[in-house]
Amino acid sequence: MPSQPTYCATTMVATALPLTSQPLPFPMLYGRAGFSGFPSPAQDYEPRTLDLNERLIKHPNHTFYLTATGDSMEGWGIFEGDLLVVDRSIPPRLGHILVAMFEEEVLIKRYALYQGTPHLCSAHPHYPPLPLAETDCQLWGVVRAVVHEYLP
């Protein structure tokens, strides 16, 4: 069984504060490719809203935001400038994307086995896997969500 990274005792980068309490419209989509069929007249009387806090933040006291830098995780959908929602209360498992302090550098990497031992791995081939057993690595949390803006 691979050794699990442990959480560090350092301070958080940015505490997850509630976004506005104003609900956002959240329309119901029908069918696989969008709207199909005739909508029910009762649908107009069903208010649906989306609360991003409720959807993305499960443990507010253990959650913080972080902005991604670099290109090492682009293959897994994390790009420069993306906002990460990081949860310190989730136990890390293989396959999770972690935020860690690795040899005095904050990294965003996938927790994976490489040649049978636990490593922090990038999605970019130019960045080699980083072994966890031989270095000083402090886990800051597990990435719960990525907010990627399409317009600058």
N, C-alpha and C. Protein backbone atom coordinates (compact mmCIF):
# COMPACT_ATOMS: atom_id res chain seq x y z
N MET A 1 0.85 -1.18 0.00
CA MET A 1 0.00 0.00 0.00
C MET A 1 0.89 1.24 0.00
N PRO A 2 0.67 2.19 -0.93
CA PRO A 2 1.50 3.38 -0.96
C PRO A 2 1.26 4.26 0.25
N SER A 3 2.32 4.94 0.66
CA SER A 3 2.17 5.85 1.79
C SER A 3 1.33 7.05 1.36
N GLN A 4 0.48 7.51 2.25
CA GLN A 4 -0.38 8.65 1.97
C GLN A 4 0.36 9.94 2.31
N PRO A 5 0.25 10.98 1.47
CA PRO A 5 0.81 12.26 1.86
C PRO A 5 0.05 12.79 3.06
N THR A 6 0.71 13.54 3.89
CA THR A 6 0.06 14.09 5.07
C THR A 6 -0.15 15.59 4.88
N TYR A 7 -1.14 16.12 5.56
CA TYR A 7 -1.43 17.54 5.46
C TYR A 7 -0.42 18.35 6.25
N CYS A 8 -0.09 19.51 5.71
CA CYS A 8 0.86 20.38 6.41
C CYS A 8 0.09 21.28 7.37
N ALA A 9 0.82 21.93 8.24
CA ALA A 9 0.21 22.80 9.24
C ALA A 9 0.35 24.27 8.85
N THR A 10 0.69 24.56 7.61
CA THR A 10 0.87 25.94 7.19
C THR A 10 -0.48 26.63 7.04
N THR A 11 -0.44 27.95 6.95
CA THR A 11 -1.68 28.71 6.82
C THR A 11 -2.24 28.56 5.41
N MET A 12 -3.51 28.81 5.27
CA MET A 12 -4.17 28.68 3.98
C MET A 12 -3.82 29.87 3.09
N VAL A 13 -3.94 29.65 1.79
CA VAL A 13 -3.66 30.70 0.83
C VAL A 13 -4.76 31.75 0.83
N ALA A 14 -6.00 31.34 0.65
CA ALA A 14 -7.13 32.25 0.66
C ALA A 14 -8.36 31.49 1.13
N THR A 15 -8.96 31.93 2.20
CA THR A 15 -10.12 31.25 2.74
C THR A 15 -11.30 31.39 1.78
N ALA A 16 -12.06 30.34 1.64
CA ALA A 16 -13.24 30.36 0.77
C ALA A 16 -14.35 31.11 1.46
N LEU A 17 -14.55 32.34 1.06
CA LEU A 17 -15.63 33.14 1.60
C LEU A 17 -16.86 32.94 0.73
N PRO A 18 -18.04 33.04 1.29
CA PRO A 18 -19.24 32.86 0.47
C PRO A 18 -19.28 33.87 -0.66
N LEU A 19 -19.70 33.41 -1.82
CA LEU A 19 -19.97 34.31 -2.91
C LEU A 19 -21.25 35.04 -2.55
N THR A 20 -21.82 35.80 -3.45
CA THR A 20 -23.05 36.50 -3.11
C THR A 20 -24.14 35.49 -2.78
N SER A 21 -25.05 35.91 -1.97
CA SER A 21 -26.15 35.02 -1.60
C SER A 21 -27.27 35.06 -2.62
N GLN A 22 -27.09 35.86 -3.67
CA GLN A 22 -28.12 35.95 -4.70
C GLN A 22 -28.11 34.69 -5.56
N PRO A 23 -29.25 34.00 -5.65
CA PRO A 23 -29.29 32.78 -6.47
C PRO A 23 -29.19 33.11 -7.96
N LEU A 24 -28.60 32.22 -8.71
CA LEU A 24 -28.47 32.37 -10.15
C LEU A 24 -29.52 31.51 -10.84
N PRO A 25 -30.05 31.96 -11.98
CA PRO A 25 -31.02 31.14 -12.69
C PRO A 25 -30.37 29.83 -13.14
N PHE A 26 -31.10 28.75 -13.04
CA PHE A 26 -30.58 27.43 -13.37
C PHE A 26 -31.66 26.68 -14.15
N PRO A 27 -31.74 26.88 -15.48
CA PRO A 27 -32.82 26.27 -16.25
C PRO A 27 -32.67 24.76 -16.35
N MET A 28 -33.79 24.09 -16.44
CA MET A 28 -33.80 22.64 -16.60
C MET A 28 -33.66 22.33 -18.09
N LEU A 29 -32.73 21.46 -18.43
CA LEU A 29 -32.56 21.04 -19.82
C LEU A 29 -33.14 19.65 -19.98
N TYR A 30 -33.83 19.46 -21.08
CA TYR A 30 -34.43 18.16 -21.36
C TYR A 30 -33.74 17.53 -22.56
N GLY A 31 -33.63 16.22 -22.55
CA GLY A 31 -33.04 15.51 -23.67
C GLY A 31 -31.53 15.51 -23.62
N ARG A 32 -30.92 14.77 -24.51
CA ARG A 32 -29.46 14.63 -24.51
C ARG A 32 -28.75 15.84 -25.09
N ALA A 33 -29.25 16.41 -26.15
CA ALA A 33 -28.55 17.49 -26.82
C ALA A 33 -29.20 18.84 -26.55
N GLY A 34 -29.97 18.96 -25.51
CA GLY A 34 -30.63 20.22 -25.21
C GLY A 34 -32.12 20.01 -25.04
N PHE A 35 -32.89 20.95 -25.53
CA PHE A 35 -34.34 20.86 -25.40
C PHE A 35 -34.91 19.88 -26.42
N SER A 36 -35.82 19.06 -25.99
CA SER A 36 -36.52 18.17 -26.91
C SER A 36 -37.92 17.95 -26.37
N GLY A 37 -38.84 17.74 -27.27
CA GLY A 37 -40.21 17.54 -26.83
C GLY A 37 -40.88 18.85 -26.49
N PHE A 38 -42.07 18.75 -25.97
CA PHE A 38 -42.85 19.93 -25.61
C PHE A 38 -42.74 20.14 -24.10
N PRO A 39 -42.28 21.32 -23.65
CA PRO A 39 -42.13 21.54 -22.21
C PRO A 39 -43.48 21.56 -21.49
N SER A 40 -43.46 21.13 -20.26
CA SER A 40 -44.66 21.11 -19.44
C SER A 40 -45.04 22.53 -19.03
N PRO A 41 -46.34 22.89 -19.08
CA PRO A 41 -46.75 24.22 -18.61
C PRO A 41 -46.44 24.43 -17.13
N ALA A 42 -46.37 23.35 -16.34
CA ALA A 42 -46.06 23.48 -14.91
C ALA A 42 -44.62 23.87 -14.67
N GLN A 43 -43.77 23.69 -15.68
CA GLN A 43 -42.35 24.02 -15.53
C GLN A 43 -42.15 25.50 -15.20
N ASP A 44 -43.06 26.37 -15.70
CA ASP A 44 -42.94 27.79 -15.44
C ASP A 44 -43.11 28.13 -13.96
N TYR A 45 -43.70 27.23 -13.18
CA TYR A 45 -43.95 27.50 -11.77
C TYR A 45 -42.92 26.86 -10.85
N GLU A 46 -41.90 26.22 -11.42
CA GLU A 46 -40.85 25.58 -10.61
C GLU A 46 -39.62 26.48 -10.58
N PRO A 47 -39.43 27.23 -9.52
CA PRO A 47 -38.23 28.07 -9.46
C PRO A 47 -36.99 27.20 -9.24
N ARG A 48 -36.01 27.36 -10.09
CA ARG A 48 -34.76 26.62 -9.95
C ARG A 48 -33.62 27.63 -9.90
N THR A 49 -32.80 27.50 -8.90
CA THR A 49 -31.64 28.36 -8.80
C THR A 49 -30.41 27.51 -8.51
N LEU A 50 -29.27 28.11 -8.70
CA LEU A 50 -28.00 27.44 -8.46
C LEU A 50 -27.18 28.26 -7.48
N ASP A 51 -26.78 27.66 -6.38
CA ASP A 51 -25.92 28.29 -5.40
C ASP A 51 -24.53 27.67 -5.56
N LEU A 52 -23.57 28.45 -6.06
CA LEU A 52 -22.23 27.90 -6.30
C LEU A 52 -21.54 27.49 -5.01
N ASN A 53 -21.84 28.16 -3.91
CA ASN A 53 -21.28 27.73 -2.63
C ASN A 53 -21.74 26.33 -2.28
N GLU A 54 -23.04 26.09 -2.42
CA GLU A 54 -23.60 24.78 -2.10
C GLU A 54 -23.05 23.71 -3.04
N ARG A 55 -22.85 24.07 -4.29
CA ARG A 55 -22.41 23.10 -5.29
C ARG A 55 -20.92 22.78 -5.17
N LEU A 56 -20.07 23.77 -4.91
CA LEU A 56 -18.62 23.57 -4.97
C LEU A 56 -17.93 23.47 -3.62
N ILE A 57 -18.54 23.99 -2.56
CA ILE A 57 -17.87 24.02 -1.26
C ILE A 57 -18.64 23.15 -0.28
N LYS A 58 -18.08 22.00 0.03
CA LYS A 58 -18.74 21.07 0.96
C LYS A 58 -18.28 21.26 2.40
N HIS A 59 -17.08 21.77 2.60
CA HIS A 59 -16.51 21.98 3.94
C HIS A 59 -15.92 23.40 4.01
N PRO A 60 -16.76 24.43 4.24
CA PRO A 60 -16.30 25.82 4.19
C PRO A 60 -15.10 26.12 5.09
N ASN A 61 -15.04 25.52 6.27
CA ASN A 61 -13.94 25.81 7.18
C ASN A 61 -12.62 25.17 6.75
N HIS A 62 -12.68 24.29 5.76
CA HIS A 62 -11.48 23.59 5.31
C HIS A 62 -11.21 23.86 3.84
N THR A 63 -11.83 24.88 3.27
CA THR A 63 -11.73 25.13 1.84
C THR A 63 -11.05 26.47 1.59
N PHE A 64 -10.22 26.51 0.53
CA PHE A 64 -9.61 27.76 0.11
C PHE A 64 -9.53 27.78 -1.41
N TYR A 65 -9.29 28.98 -1.96
CA TYR A 65 -9.15 29.17 -3.40
C TYR A 65 -7.68 29.35 -3.74
N LEU A 66 -7.33 28.97 -4.95
CA LEU A 66 -5.96 29.12 -5.43
C LEU A 66 -6.03 29.37 -6.93
N THR A 67 -5.19 30.25 -7.44
CA THR A 67 -5.12 30.49 -8.88
C THR A 67 -3.99 29.67 -9.48
N ALA A 68 -4.30 28.92 -10.54
CA ALA A 68 -3.30 28.07 -11.18
C ALA A 68 -2.34 28.90 -12.02
N THR A 69 -1.08 28.50 -12.00
CA THR A 69 -0.07 29.09 -12.87
C THR A 69 0.67 27.97 -13.57
N GLY A 70 1.22 28.27 -14.73
CA GLY A 70 2.00 27.28 -15.47
C GLY A 70 1.16 26.43 -16.39
N ASP A 71 1.84 25.50 -17.08
CA ASP A 71 1.18 24.67 -18.08
C ASP A 71 1.24 23.17 -17.78
N SER A 72 1.70 22.80 -16.60
CA SER A 72 1.94 21.38 -16.32
C SER A 72 0.67 20.54 -16.21
N MET A 73 -0.50 21.18 -16.03
CA MET A 73 -1.74 20.42 -15.83
C MET A 73 -2.75 20.64 -16.96
N GLU A 74 -2.33 21.24 -18.05
CA GLU A 74 -3.25 21.52 -19.16
C GLU A 74 -3.88 20.24 -19.71
N GLY A 75 -3.16 19.15 -19.74
CA GLY A 75 -3.70 17.89 -20.23
C GLY A 75 -4.85 17.36 -19.39
N TRP A 76 -4.99 17.86 -18.17
CA TRP A 76 -6.08 17.46 -17.29
C TRP A 76 -7.07 18.60 -17.08
N GLY A 77 -7.02 19.60 -17.96
CA GLY A 77 -8.03 20.65 -17.95
C GLY A 77 -7.81 21.79 -16.97
N ILE A 78 -6.60 21.94 -16.44
CA ILE A 78 -6.29 23.06 -15.55
C ILE A 78 -5.31 23.97 -16.28
N PHE A 79 -5.73 25.21 -16.52
CA PHE A 79 -4.95 26.15 -17.32
C PHE A 79 -4.51 27.34 -16.48
N GLU A 80 -3.53 28.06 -16.99
CA GLU A 80 -3.02 29.28 -16.35
C GLU A 80 -4.20 30.22 -16.06
N GLY A 81 -4.30 30.67 -14.82
CA GLY A 81 -5.34 31.61 -14.42
C GLY A 81 -6.63 30.97 -13.92
N ASP A 82 -6.76 29.65 -14.04
CA ASP A 82 -7.97 28.98 -13.54
C ASP A 82 -8.05 29.10 -12.03
N LEU A 83 -9.26 29.19 -11.52
CA LEU A 83 -9.50 29.26 -10.09
C LEU A 83 -9.76 27.84 -9.58
N LEU A 84 -9.00 27.41 -8.58
CA LEU A 84 -9.16 26.08 -8.00
C LEU A 84 -9.86 26.20 -6.66
N VAL A 85 -10.79 25.30 -6.41
CA VAL A 85 -11.44 25.19 -5.10
C VAL A 85 -10.77 23.99 -4.45
N VAL A 86 -10.05 24.25 -3.35
CA VAL A 86 -9.22 23.22 -2.71
C VAL A 86 -9.78 22.92 -1.33
N ASP A 87 -9.98 21.63 -1.05
CA ASP A 87 -10.56 21.18 0.22
C ASP A 87 -9.50 20.43 1.03
N ARG A 88 -9.20 20.94 2.22
CA ARG A 88 -8.20 20.32 3.09
C ARG A 88 -8.73 19.12 3.86
N SER A 89 -10.05 18.92 3.86
CA SER A 89 -10.62 17.84 4.67
C SER A 89 -10.75 16.52 3.92
N ILE A 90 -10.50 16.51 2.63
CA ILE A 90 -10.64 15.29 1.83
C ILE A 90 -9.36 14.47 1.95
N PRO A 91 -9.44 13.21 2.36
CA PRO A 91 -8.24 12.37 2.40
C PRO A 91 -7.76 12.10 0.98
N PRO A 92 -6.48 12.31 0.70
CA PRO A 92 -5.98 12.10 -0.66
C PRO A 92 -6.00 10.63 -1.06
N ARG A 93 -6.40 10.39 -2.30
CA ARG A 93 -6.40 9.04 -2.87
C ARG A 93 -5.74 9.10 -4.24
N LEU A 94 -5.29 7.96 -4.70
CA LEU A 94 -4.71 7.89 -6.04
C LEU A 94 -5.70 8.44 -7.05
N GLY A 95 -5.22 9.28 -7.95
CA GLY A 95 -6.06 9.90 -8.96
C GLY A 95 -6.51 11.31 -8.61
N HIS A 96 -6.47 11.68 -7.33
CA HIS A 96 -6.85 13.04 -6.95
C HIS A 96 -5.80 14.03 -7.45
N ILE A 97 -6.26 15.24 -7.71
CA ILE A 97 -5.34 16.34 -8.01
C ILE A 97 -5.11 17.07 -6.70
N LEU A 98 -3.83 17.21 -6.35
CA LEU A 98 -3.45 17.77 -5.06
C LEU A 98 -2.75 19.11 -5.23
N VAL A 99 -2.86 19.93 -4.20
CA VAL A 99 -2.03 21.13 -4.06
C VAL A 99 -1.06 20.80 -2.94
N ALA A 100 0.24 20.93 -3.24
CA ALA A 100 1.24 20.54 -2.25
C ALA A 100 2.42 21.51 -2.28
N MET A 101 3.08 21.60 -1.15
CA MET A 101 4.35 22.32 -1.05
C MET A 101 5.42 21.24 -1.21
N PHE A 102 6.15 21.29 -2.31
CA PHE A 102 7.15 20.29 -2.64
C PHE A 102 8.49 21.00 -2.79
N GLU A 103 9.40 20.74 -1.86
CA GLU A 103 10.72 21.38 -1.87
C GLU A 103 10.61 22.89 -2.05
N GLU A 104 9.79 23.52 -1.20
CA GLU A 104 9.60 24.96 -1.12
C GLU A 104 8.91 25.57 -2.34
N GLU A 105 8.17 24.78 -3.10
CA GLU A 105 7.42 25.29 -4.24
C GLU A 105 5.99 24.74 -4.17
N VAL A 106 5.00 25.61 -4.38
CA VAL A 106 3.61 25.17 -4.39
C VAL A 106 3.32 24.57 -5.76
N LEU A 107 2.82 23.33 -5.76
CA LEU A 107 2.56 22.60 -7.00
C LEU A 107 1.12 22.11 -7.04
N ILE A 108 0.61 21.94 -8.26
CA ILE A 108 -0.67 21.30 -8.50
C ILE A 108 -0.35 20.08 -9.34
N LYS A 109 -0.58 18.89 -8.79
CA LYS A 109 -0.21 17.64 -9.47
C LYS A 109 -1.22 16.56 -9.16
N ARG A 110 -1.23 15.52 -9.98
CA ARG A 110 -2.07 14.36 -9.74
C ARG A 110 -1.31 13.35 -8.89
N TYR A 111 -1.98 12.81 -7.88
CA TYR A 111 -1.40 11.80 -6.99
C TYR A 111 -1.55 10.45 -7.69
N ALA A 112 -0.43 9.82 -8.05
CA ALA A 112 -0.48 8.59 -8.84
C ALA A 112 0.69 7.69 -8.50
N LEU A 113 0.57 6.44 -8.91
CA LEU A 113 1.68 5.51 -8.82
C LEU A 113 2.49 5.60 -10.09
N TYR A 114 3.79 5.71 -9.94
CA TYR A 114 4.71 5.73 -11.07
C TYR A 114 5.81 4.73 -10.74
N GLN A 115 5.94 3.71 -11.55
CA GLN A 115 6.88 2.62 -11.31
C GLN A 115 6.67 2.01 -9.93
N GLY A 116 5.41 1.90 -9.54
CA GLY A 116 5.04 1.23 -8.30
C GLY A 116 5.15 2.04 -7.03
N THR A 117 5.57 3.29 -7.10
CA THR A 117 5.69 4.12 -5.90
C THR A 117 4.87 5.40 -6.07
N PRO A 118 4.41 6.00 -4.97
CA PRO A 118 3.59 7.22 -5.06
C PRO A 118 4.41 8.42 -5.56
N HIS A 119 3.81 9.12 -6.50
CA HIS A 119 4.44 10.31 -7.09
C HIS A 119 3.40 11.40 -7.28
N LEU A 120 3.88 12.62 -7.46
CA LEU A 120 3.06 13.72 -7.92
C LEU A 120 3.36 13.87 -9.40
N CYS A 121 2.33 13.73 -10.24
CA CYS A 121 2.53 13.68 -11.69
C CYS A 121 1.86 14.85 -12.40
N SER A 122 2.54 15.35 -13.43
CA SER A 122 2.00 16.39 -14.29
C SER A 122 1.29 15.75 -15.46
N ALA A 123 0.54 16.56 -16.19
CA ALA A 123 -0.10 16.09 -17.42
C ALA A 123 0.77 16.43 -18.63
N HIS A 124 1.85 17.14 -18.41
CA HIS A 124 2.74 17.59 -19.48
C HIS A 124 3.99 16.71 -19.50
N PRO A 125 4.39 16.20 -20.65
CA PRO A 125 5.54 15.28 -20.71
C PRO A 125 6.89 15.92 -20.35
N HIS A 126 6.97 17.24 -20.36
CA HIS A 126 8.24 17.89 -20.03
C HIS A 126 8.52 17.98 -18.53
N TYR A 127 7.53 17.61 -17.70
CA TYR A 127 7.70 17.65 -16.25
C TYR A 127 7.72 16.22 -15.71
N PRO A 128 8.83 15.78 -15.15
CA PRO A 128 8.92 14.39 -14.68
C PRO A 128 8.10 14.18 -13.41
N PRO A 129 7.66 12.95 -13.15
CA PRO A 129 6.98 12.64 -11.89
C PRO A 129 7.90 12.90 -10.70
N LEU A 130 7.30 13.39 -9.62
CA LEU A 130 8.07 13.72 -8.42
C LEU A 130 7.79 12.69 -7.34
N PRO A 131 8.82 11.97 -6.88
CA PRO A 131 8.60 10.94 -5.86
C PRO A 131 8.26 11.55 -4.51
N LEU A 132 7.30 10.95 -3.83
CA LEU A 132 6.90 11.47 -2.52
C LEU A 132 7.74 10.91 -1.39
N ALA A 133 8.27 9.72 -1.55
CA ALA A 133 8.97 9.05 -0.46
C ALA A 133 10.29 9.71 -0.10
N GLU A 134 10.96 10.31 -1.05
CA GLU A 134 12.32 10.80 -0.81
C GLU A 134 12.42 12.30 -0.54
N THR A 135 11.32 13.01 -0.51
CA THR A 135 11.38 14.46 -0.41
C THR A 135 10.48 14.99 0.69
N ASP A 136 10.65 16.27 0.93
CA ASP A 136 9.81 16.97 1.89
C ASP A 136 8.58 17.51 1.16
N CYS A 137 7.46 16.85 1.32
CA CYS A 137 6.23 17.25 0.64
C CYS A 137 5.14 17.45 1.69
N GLN A 138 4.49 18.60 1.63
CA GLN A 138 3.39 18.90 2.54
C GLN A 138 2.13 19.14 1.72
N LEU A 139 1.13 18.33 1.96
CA LEU A 139 -0.13 18.46 1.24
C LEU A 139 -0.94 19.61 1.79
N TRP A 140 -1.41 20.48 0.88
CA TRP A 140 -2.26 21.59 1.27
C TRP A 140 -3.72 21.25 1.10
N GLY A 141 -4.05 20.35 0.17
CA GLY A 141 -5.45 19.97 -0.02
C GLY A 141 -5.69 19.27 -1.34
N VAL A 142 -6.92 18.83 -1.52
CA VAL A 142 -7.36 18.14 -2.73
C VAL A 142 -8.20 19.12 -3.55
N VAL A 143 -7.92 19.21 -4.85
CA VAL A 143 -8.68 20.09 -5.72
C VAL A 143 -10.07 19.49 -5.91
N ARG A 144 -11.08 20.24 -5.49
CA ARG A 144 -12.46 19.80 -5.60
C ARG A 144 -13.11 20.27 -6.89
N ALA A 145 -12.72 21.46 -7.36
CA ALA A 145 -13.33 22.02 -8.57
C ALA A 145 -12.36 22.98 -9.23
N VAL A 146 -12.55 23.16 -10.53
CA VAL A 146 -11.77 24.12 -11.32
C VAL A 146 -12.75 25.04 -12.02
N VAL A 147 -12.54 26.34 -11.87
CA VAL A 147 -13.37 27.32 -12.55
C VAL A 147 -12.52 27.88 -13.69
N HIS A 148 -12.95 27.60 -14.91
CA HIS A 148 -12.21 28.02 -16.10
C HIS A 148 -13.04 29.02 -16.87
N GLU A 149 -12.53 30.24 -17.03
CA GLU A 149 -13.24 31.27 -17.76
C GLU A 149 -12.86 31.19 -19.23
N TYR A 150 -13.87 31.28 -20.11
CA TYR A 150 -13.60 31.23 -21.55
C TYR A 150 -13.31 32.59 -22.14
N LEU A 151 -13.86 33.63 -21.54
CA LEU A 151 -13.59 34.98 -22.04
C LEU A 151 -12.62 35.67 -21.10
N PRO A 152 -11.66 36.41 -21.65
CA PRO A 152 -10.68 37.08 -20.78
C PRO A 152 -11.30 38.20 -19.98
